[in-house]
């Protein structure tokens, strides 16, 4: 069964809380202090990496928005230049500007 990241985090969080609350009962089955320490460390590392991942996604969204904004500005210049080329340059030379229109 596939679980979302949030579900997996919550599951480990609940498991760690239960293990810590019942560590004496589970020690005879191998859930000792070393196991809990290692599990807690792995869990915390996963939480830290998830935070870094979310921050990177937010930065990527910002950069994508900036890229699209900049591309729109470039498109405006392109449209203006294209109109002027079509007005001033003979049609047989339009290909030099990347314009392949028939008229």
N, C-alpha and C. Protein backbone atom coordinates (compact mmCIF):
# COMPACT_ATOMS: atom_id res chain seq x y z
N UNK A 1 0.84 -1.17 0.00
CA UNK A 1 0.00 0.00 0.00
C UNK A 1 0.89 1.24 0.00
N UNK A 2 0.58 2.18 -0.87
CA UNK A 2 1.35 3.42 -0.94
C UNK A 2 0.74 4.47 -0.01
N UNK A 3 1.60 5.12 0.73
CA UNK A 3 1.18 6.17 1.63
C UNK A 3 1.81 7.47 1.18
N UNK A 4 1.13 8.57 1.44
CA UNK A 4 1.70 9.88 1.13
C UNK A 4 2.85 10.16 2.09
N UNK A 5 3.63 11.15 1.76
CA UNK A 5 4.74 11.53 2.64
C UNK A 5 4.21 11.94 4.01
N UNK A 6 3.14 12.72 4.01
CA UNK A 6 2.55 13.16 5.29
C UNK A 6 2.09 11.96 6.11
N UNK A 7 1.48 10.97 5.45
CA UNK A 7 1.05 9.76 6.17
C UNK A 7 2.24 9.01 6.75
N UNK A 8 3.28 8.90 5.97
CA UNK A 8 4.46 8.17 6.43
C UNK A 8 5.12 8.89 7.61
N UNK A 9 5.17 10.20 7.55
CA UNK A 9 5.73 10.98 8.66
C UNK A 9 4.88 10.79 9.91
N UNK A 10 3.56 10.92 9.75
CA UNK A 10 2.65 10.77 10.88
C UNK A 10 2.74 9.36 11.47
N UNK A 11 2.86 8.34 10.61
CA UNK A 11 2.97 6.97 11.10
C UNK A 11 4.21 6.79 11.96
N UNK A 12 5.35 7.31 11.48
CA UNK A 12 6.58 7.18 12.26
C UNK A 12 6.50 7.99 13.54
N UNK A 13 5.90 9.17 13.47
CA UNK A 13 5.75 10.01 14.66
C UNK A 13 4.94 9.27 15.72
N UNK A 14 3.83 8.69 15.31
CA UNK A 14 2.99 7.93 16.24
C UNK A 14 3.71 6.70 16.77
N UNK A 15 4.42 6.00 15.88
CA UNK A 15 5.15 4.80 16.28
C UNK A 15 6.21 5.15 17.32
N UNK A 16 6.97 6.22 17.07
CA UNK A 16 8.01 6.62 18.02
C UNK A 16 7.40 6.99 19.37
N UNK A 17 6.28 7.71 19.35
CA UNK A 17 5.63 8.07 20.62
C UNK A 17 5.21 6.82 21.38
N UNK A 18 4.63 5.85 20.68
CA UNK A 18 4.22 4.61 21.32
C UNK A 18 5.39 3.79 21.81
N UNK A 19 6.45 3.71 21.02
CA UNK A 19 7.64 2.96 21.42
C UNK A 19 8.28 3.57 22.66
N UNK A 20 8.38 4.89 22.67
CA UNK A 20 8.97 5.56 23.84
C UNK A 20 8.12 5.37 25.08
N UNK A 21 6.80 5.38 24.90
CA UNK A 21 5.91 5.22 26.06
C UNK A 21 5.91 3.79 26.59
N UNK A 22 6.26 2.83 25.74
CA UNK A 22 6.20 1.42 26.13
C UNK A 22 7.55 0.72 25.96
N UNK A 23 8.62 1.47 26.11
CA UNK A 23 9.95 0.92 25.84
C UNK A 23 10.32 -0.24 26.75
N UNK A 24 9.89 -0.21 27.98
CA UNK A 24 10.23 -1.31 28.90
C UNK A 24 9.59 -2.62 28.46
N UNK A 25 8.36 -2.56 28.01
CA UNK A 25 7.65 -3.77 27.57
C UNK A 25 8.26 -4.34 26.29
N UNK A 26 8.78 -3.45 25.44
CA UNK A 26 9.29 -3.90 24.14
C UNK A 26 10.78 -4.21 24.15
N UNK A 27 11.46 -3.88 25.22
CA UNK A 27 12.91 -4.10 25.28
C UNK A 27 13.27 -5.57 25.12
N UNK A 28 12.44 -6.46 25.66
CA UNK A 28 12.74 -7.89 25.55
C UNK A 28 12.59 -8.41 24.11
N UNK A 29 11.94 -7.62 23.25
CA UNK A 29 11.76 -8.01 21.85
C UNK A 29 12.76 -7.32 20.91
N UNK A 30 13.70 -6.57 21.49
CA UNK A 30 14.74 -5.95 20.67
C UNK A 30 14.56 -4.46 20.42
N UNK A 31 13.48 -3.91 20.93
CA UNK A 31 13.28 -2.47 20.79
C UNK A 31 13.92 -1.81 22.01
N UNK A 32 15.23 -1.67 21.94
CA UNK A 32 15.98 -1.12 23.06
C UNK A 32 16.30 0.36 22.81
N UNK A 33 17.05 0.95 23.72
CA UNK A 33 17.39 2.37 23.64
C UNK A 33 18.17 2.67 22.36
N UNK A 34 19.07 1.77 21.96
CA UNK A 34 19.84 1.98 20.74
C UNK A 34 18.92 2.02 19.52
N UNK A 35 17.97 1.09 19.45
CA UNK A 35 17.00 1.07 18.36
C UNK A 35 16.21 2.38 18.31
N UNK A 36 15.71 2.81 19.47
CA UNK A 36 14.92 4.04 19.52
C UNK A 36 15.75 5.26 19.14
N UNK A 37 16.99 5.29 19.58
CA UNK A 37 17.87 6.41 19.24
C UNK A 37 18.11 6.47 17.73
N UNK A 38 18.39 5.30 17.15
CA UNK A 38 18.65 5.26 15.71
C UNK A 38 17.39 5.61 14.91
N UNK A 39 16.26 5.04 15.31
CA UNK A 39 14.99 5.32 14.64
C UNK A 39 14.67 6.82 14.72
N UNK A 40 14.83 7.39 15.90
CA UNK A 40 14.57 8.82 16.08
C UNK A 40 15.49 9.66 15.20
N UNK A 41 16.75 9.28 15.13
CA UNK A 41 17.71 10.01 14.29
C UNK A 41 17.32 9.92 12.81
N UNK A 42 16.95 8.72 12.36
CA UNK A 42 16.55 8.55 10.96
C UNK A 42 15.28 9.35 10.66
N UNK A 43 14.35 9.32 11.59
CA UNK A 43 13.10 10.07 11.44
C UNK A 43 13.39 11.57 11.36
N UNK A 44 14.23 12.07 12.25
CA UNK A 44 14.54 13.50 12.26
C UNK A 44 15.27 13.92 10.99
N UNK A 45 16.17 13.07 10.50
CA UNK A 45 16.85 13.37 9.24
C UNK A 45 15.85 13.45 8.10
N UNK A 46 14.89 12.54 8.08
CA UNK A 46 13.85 12.57 7.04
C UNK A 46 13.04 13.86 7.14
N UNK A 47 12.69 14.28 8.35
CA UNK A 47 11.94 15.52 8.55
C UNK A 47 12.75 16.72 8.05
N UNK A 48 14.03 16.75 8.39
CA UNK A 48 14.90 17.84 7.95
C UNK A 48 15.00 17.89 6.43
N UNK A 49 15.18 16.72 5.81
CA UNK A 49 15.27 16.67 4.35
C UNK A 49 13.96 17.07 3.69
N UNK A 50 12.84 16.70 4.30
CA UNK A 50 11.55 17.11 3.76
C UNK A 50 11.41 18.63 3.81
N UNK A 51 11.85 19.23 4.88
CA UNK A 51 11.81 20.69 4.99
C UNK A 51 12.67 21.36 3.92
N UNK A 52 13.86 20.80 3.70
CA UNK A 52 14.74 21.33 2.65
C UNK A 52 14.09 21.16 1.28
N UNK A 53 13.46 20.02 1.07
CA UNK A 53 12.79 19.74 -0.20
C UNK A 53 11.66 20.73 -0.45
N UNK A 54 10.86 20.99 0.57
CA UNK A 54 9.75 21.94 0.43
C UNK A 54 10.28 23.34 0.14
N UNK A 55 11.37 23.72 0.80
CA UNK A 55 11.97 25.03 0.55
C UNK A 55 12.50 25.12 -0.87
N UNK A 56 13.11 24.04 -1.35
CA UNK A 56 13.61 24.02 -2.73
C UNK A 56 12.46 24.13 -3.72
N UNK A 57 11.35 23.45 -3.44
CA UNK A 57 10.19 23.55 -4.33
C UNK A 57 9.65 24.99 -4.36
N UNK A 58 9.64 25.64 -3.21
CA UNK A 58 9.16 27.02 -3.16
C UNK A 58 10.08 27.94 -3.97
N UNK A 59 11.40 27.73 -3.83
CA UNK A 59 12.35 28.52 -4.62
C UNK A 59 12.19 28.24 -6.10
N UNK A 60 11.95 26.99 -6.45
CA UNK A 60 11.76 26.64 -7.86
C UNK A 60 10.51 27.32 -8.42
N UNK A 61 9.45 27.38 -7.64
CA UNK A 61 8.23 28.06 -8.09
C UNK A 61 8.49 29.54 -8.30
N UNK A 62 9.25 30.15 -7.40
CA UNK A 62 9.60 31.56 -7.56
C UNK A 62 10.41 31.79 -8.83
N UNK A 63 11.38 30.92 -9.06
CA UNK A 63 12.22 31.05 -10.25
C UNK A 63 11.40 30.81 -11.52
N UNK A 64 10.47 29.88 -11.47
CA UNK A 64 9.61 29.62 -12.62
C UNK A 64 8.75 30.83 -12.92
N UNK A 65 8.20 31.45 -11.89
CA UNK A 65 7.39 32.65 -12.08
C UNK A 65 8.23 33.78 -12.67
N UNK A 66 9.46 33.94 -12.16
CA UNK A 66 10.35 34.97 -12.69
C UNK A 66 10.69 34.69 -14.16
N UNK A 67 10.93 33.42 -14.47
CA UNK A 67 11.23 33.03 -15.85
C UNK A 67 10.07 33.37 -16.77
N UNK A 68 8.85 33.00 -16.37
CA UNK A 68 7.68 33.27 -17.22
C UNK A 68 7.46 34.78 -17.39
N UNK A 69 7.68 35.54 -16.35
CA UNK A 69 7.55 36.99 -16.44
C UNK A 69 8.56 37.56 -17.42
N UNK A 70 9.79 37.09 -17.32
CA UNK A 70 10.84 37.57 -18.21
C UNK A 70 10.56 37.15 -19.65
N UNK A 71 10.06 35.94 -19.82
CA UNK A 71 9.74 35.46 -21.16
C UNK A 71 8.61 36.28 -21.78
N UNK A 72 7.64 36.69 -20.99
CA UNK A 72 6.57 37.55 -21.49
C UNK A 72 7.12 38.89 -21.97
N UNK A 73 8.08 39.44 -21.23
CA UNK A 73 8.71 40.69 -21.65
C UNK A 73 9.43 40.50 -22.98
N UNK A 74 10.15 39.40 -23.10
CA UNK A 74 10.86 39.12 -24.35
C UNK A 74 9.87 38.93 -25.50
N UNK A 75 8.74 38.29 -25.22
CA UNK A 75 7.71 38.10 -26.25
C UNK A 75 7.16 39.44 -26.74
N UNK A 76 7.03 40.40 -25.84
CA UNK A 76 6.55 41.73 -26.24
C UNK A 76 7.54 42.37 -27.21
N UNK A 77 8.82 42.26 -26.92
CA UNK A 77 9.84 42.80 -27.82
C UNK A 77 9.81 42.07 -29.16
N UNK A 78 9.65 40.75 -29.09
CA UNK A 78 9.58 39.95 -30.31
C UNK A 78 8.42 40.41 -31.19
N UNK A 79 7.25 40.58 -30.59
CA UNK A 79 6.07 40.98 -31.35
C UNK A 79 6.27 42.34 -32.00
N UNK A 80 6.85 43.27 -31.25
CA UNK A 80 7.10 44.60 -31.79
C UNK A 80 8.10 44.52 -32.96
N UNK A 81 9.19 43.79 -32.76
CA UNK A 81 10.19 43.67 -33.81
C UNK A 81 9.62 42.97 -35.04
N UNK A 82 8.81 41.96 -34.84
CA UNK A 82 8.21 41.21 -35.95
C UNK A 82 7.34 42.12 -36.81
N UNK A 83 6.53 42.95 -36.14
CA UNK A 83 5.68 43.88 -36.89
C UNK A 83 6.51 44.82 -37.74
N UNK A 84 7.58 45.34 -37.14
CA UNK A 84 8.42 46.28 -37.86
C UNK A 84 9.16 45.61 -39.01
N UNK A 85 9.62 44.41 -38.81
CA UNK A 85 10.30 43.67 -39.88
C UNK A 85 9.34 43.46 -41.04
N UNK A 86 8.11 43.05 -40.75
CA UNK A 86 7.12 42.79 -41.79
C UNK A 86 6.74 44.07 -42.54
N UNK A 87 6.85 45.21 -41.86
CA UNK A 87 6.55 46.48 -42.52
C UNK A 87 7.70 46.97 -43.39
N UNK A 88 8.91 46.78 -42.94
CA UNK A 88 10.07 47.41 -43.58
C UNK A 88 10.92 46.49 -44.46
N UNK A 89 10.86 45.20 -44.24
CA UNK A 89 11.74 44.26 -44.95
C UNK A 89 10.93 43.53 -46.01
N UNK A 90 11.48 43.33 -47.20
CA UNK A 90 10.77 42.57 -48.23
C UNK A 90 10.48 41.14 -47.76
N UNK A 91 9.34 40.61 -48.17
CA UNK A 91 8.86 39.31 -47.70
C UNK A 91 9.86 38.19 -47.97
N UNK A 92 10.59 38.24 -49.07
CA UNK A 92 11.54 37.17 -49.38
C UNK A 92 12.72 37.13 -48.40
N UNK A 93 12.89 38.17 -47.58
CA UNK A 93 13.97 38.19 -46.59
C UNK A 93 13.47 37.90 -45.16
N UNK A 94 12.18 37.68 -44.99
CA UNK A 94 11.63 37.44 -43.66
C UNK A 94 12.22 36.19 -43.00
N UNK A 95 12.56 35.20 -43.80
CA UNK A 95 13.11 33.95 -43.24
C UNK A 95 14.38 34.21 -42.43
N UNK A 96 15.12 35.23 -42.83
CA UNK A 96 16.33 35.60 -42.10
C UNK A 96 16.02 35.97 -40.65
N UNK A 97 14.79 36.39 -40.40
CA UNK A 97 14.35 36.80 -39.07
C UNK A 97 13.52 35.69 -38.38
N UNK A 98 13.41 34.55 -39.05
CA UNK A 98 12.63 33.45 -38.49
C UNK A 98 11.14 33.60 -38.73
N UNK A 99 10.77 34.41 -39.69
CA UNK A 99 9.36 34.63 -40.01
C UNK A 99 9.06 33.86 -41.30
N UNK A 100 8.15 32.92 -41.22
CA UNK A 100 7.81 32.06 -42.35
C UNK A 100 6.38 32.27 -42.82
N UNK A 101 5.81 33.43 -42.54
CA UNK A 101 4.45 33.73 -42.94
C UNK A 101 4.36 33.86 -44.46
N UNK A 102 3.18 33.65 -44.99
CA UNK A 102 2.94 33.80 -46.43
C UNK A 102 2.65 35.26 -46.79
N UNK A 103 2.10 35.99 -45.86
CA UNK A 103 1.81 37.41 -46.14
C UNK A 103 2.00 38.23 -44.90
